[in-house]
Amino acid sequence: MKRDKSKNKSSKRKTLRRLIEIGVLVALFVVLCLLKNSQKVSEFFAETFSRWWITAFGTLLGWIPFSLYEMFLIVVIVGAIAFFVIEIVLLCKHKWQKALTSVLVVVICVFAFLNIYTATASFAYNRDPLPTDIYEEYSGDDLTLEEAIKIADYVIEQANQAYRDTDHIDGNIVYNCDLAEMSDRLAKEYEKLDNKYFSSYTPRGKRILNKRIMSELHITGVFFAPFGEANINGNETGLYLPHTLGHEMAHGKGVMREYEADLVSSYVLLTSQDQYLRYGALVQCVTPAINMVGLYPNTNQITNELYAKLDSGIRTELSNYSKLWSQFDALDRLGNFFNDLYLKLNKQEDGVGSYTKPGEIVDTGEKDNEGSPIVTVIRFYDMQNILIKLYKQGKLVSVD
């Protein structure tokens, strides 16, 4: 009897200790969630704790050849299944104390992870906007039609040239390096961002082996801040691989908002001298550049002529890329739902819509000589803004 009473007292003390630990972790999580509402606090965390953590763990774990994020997910999934099975068995055997202990341990692990993730990643979603030496927003008053045509001509000419300078098999680009070397090349390109806004550390890219599940969820890449890893879907091997890798690397450098990570990746790739790196970024900019010309009156013929200049091989590659991803549709809605929820929980009100920042145009109510509406551009679309920025910096030149 004395032993039973002693065991009961010990179990109660352990339960009480775990409840206190949970209380502390929950309180810390609540405090962190309240703090990340402040842009100043978020900027402080992004430039200090988050940057230190990602640099330390990314450096420590970056040379491991496989994705620890993928291993972490497998462990979590297997662990969750095992937990529910064990919990059911314990309850069936009326072992209430052990069942309660298991639940408390899991709750502790969950809130410990939430605190780490919030401190390393979530704060960066509410930090200051990108520095103006990288990105600005422009209106129609900032760009003439002639300049817009120069930009579009340059993008198309350079895309065509990059296509000719790179190897292709069956209409798809074949890279002259593996992912590890591509990561090293991109890290060199990121050294151009000489601004304290960006972390000096650049994460290495790693392949996800379970590419089928990731593809069905329509996820091409994931940056996991607790491990400092930039993870790439195993099926992302073609046209946009450097841009996807650059996007995940941008997250590791402190740029967590999705559209800004896209812009930073585009900026770095478009200013590269490496045709294998810049090819996909140039192709991605063709439509935004031509659409920018189309915002001006009487430009239907001009935009048609611009589209006609695009190499047929690039058109084939775009079609192949679309066909590749269109075959994965089993879990796309589920993937979209969870990604949307994740982004909204991190103060991105538009959810998955936050991958782009649309422009703003106003219909004047008038029509041009071709019968199209005449609009006033209040703000260009985000990819158009990055092209204008590069043009004004002299990093996009006119085509003679």
Foldseek 3Di string as FASTA:
>chain_A
DVVVVVVVVVLVVVLVVLVVLLVVLVVLLVVLLVQLVDQVSLLVLLLPVLLVQLQVLLVVCQPPQADVVLVVVVCVVVVVVVLVVVLVVCVVVVVVSVSSVSVSVVSSVVSVVSSLQSSNALSLLRYDDDDVLQFDWDWPVLDDLVRLLQLLLLLQVLLQVLVVVFDDDPLWTDDPDDQQVLQVVLLVLVVVPPDSSWRNDFGGEHEDPPLLVCLLQVHQWDQRSNNSYTYGRPLPRTLCVLLSSQLSRRSSRSNNQQQSSSSRSLSSLLLDPDSVNNNSSSLVCNVLSLVVSVLAAPCPVVSVVSVVSHDVSSVSNVVVVVVSSVVRHPCNVVSQVVQQVVVVSSVPVVRVVRNWDAWDKAFPPDHHPVRHTRITTPTHTRSVRSSVSCVVVVSRDGDD
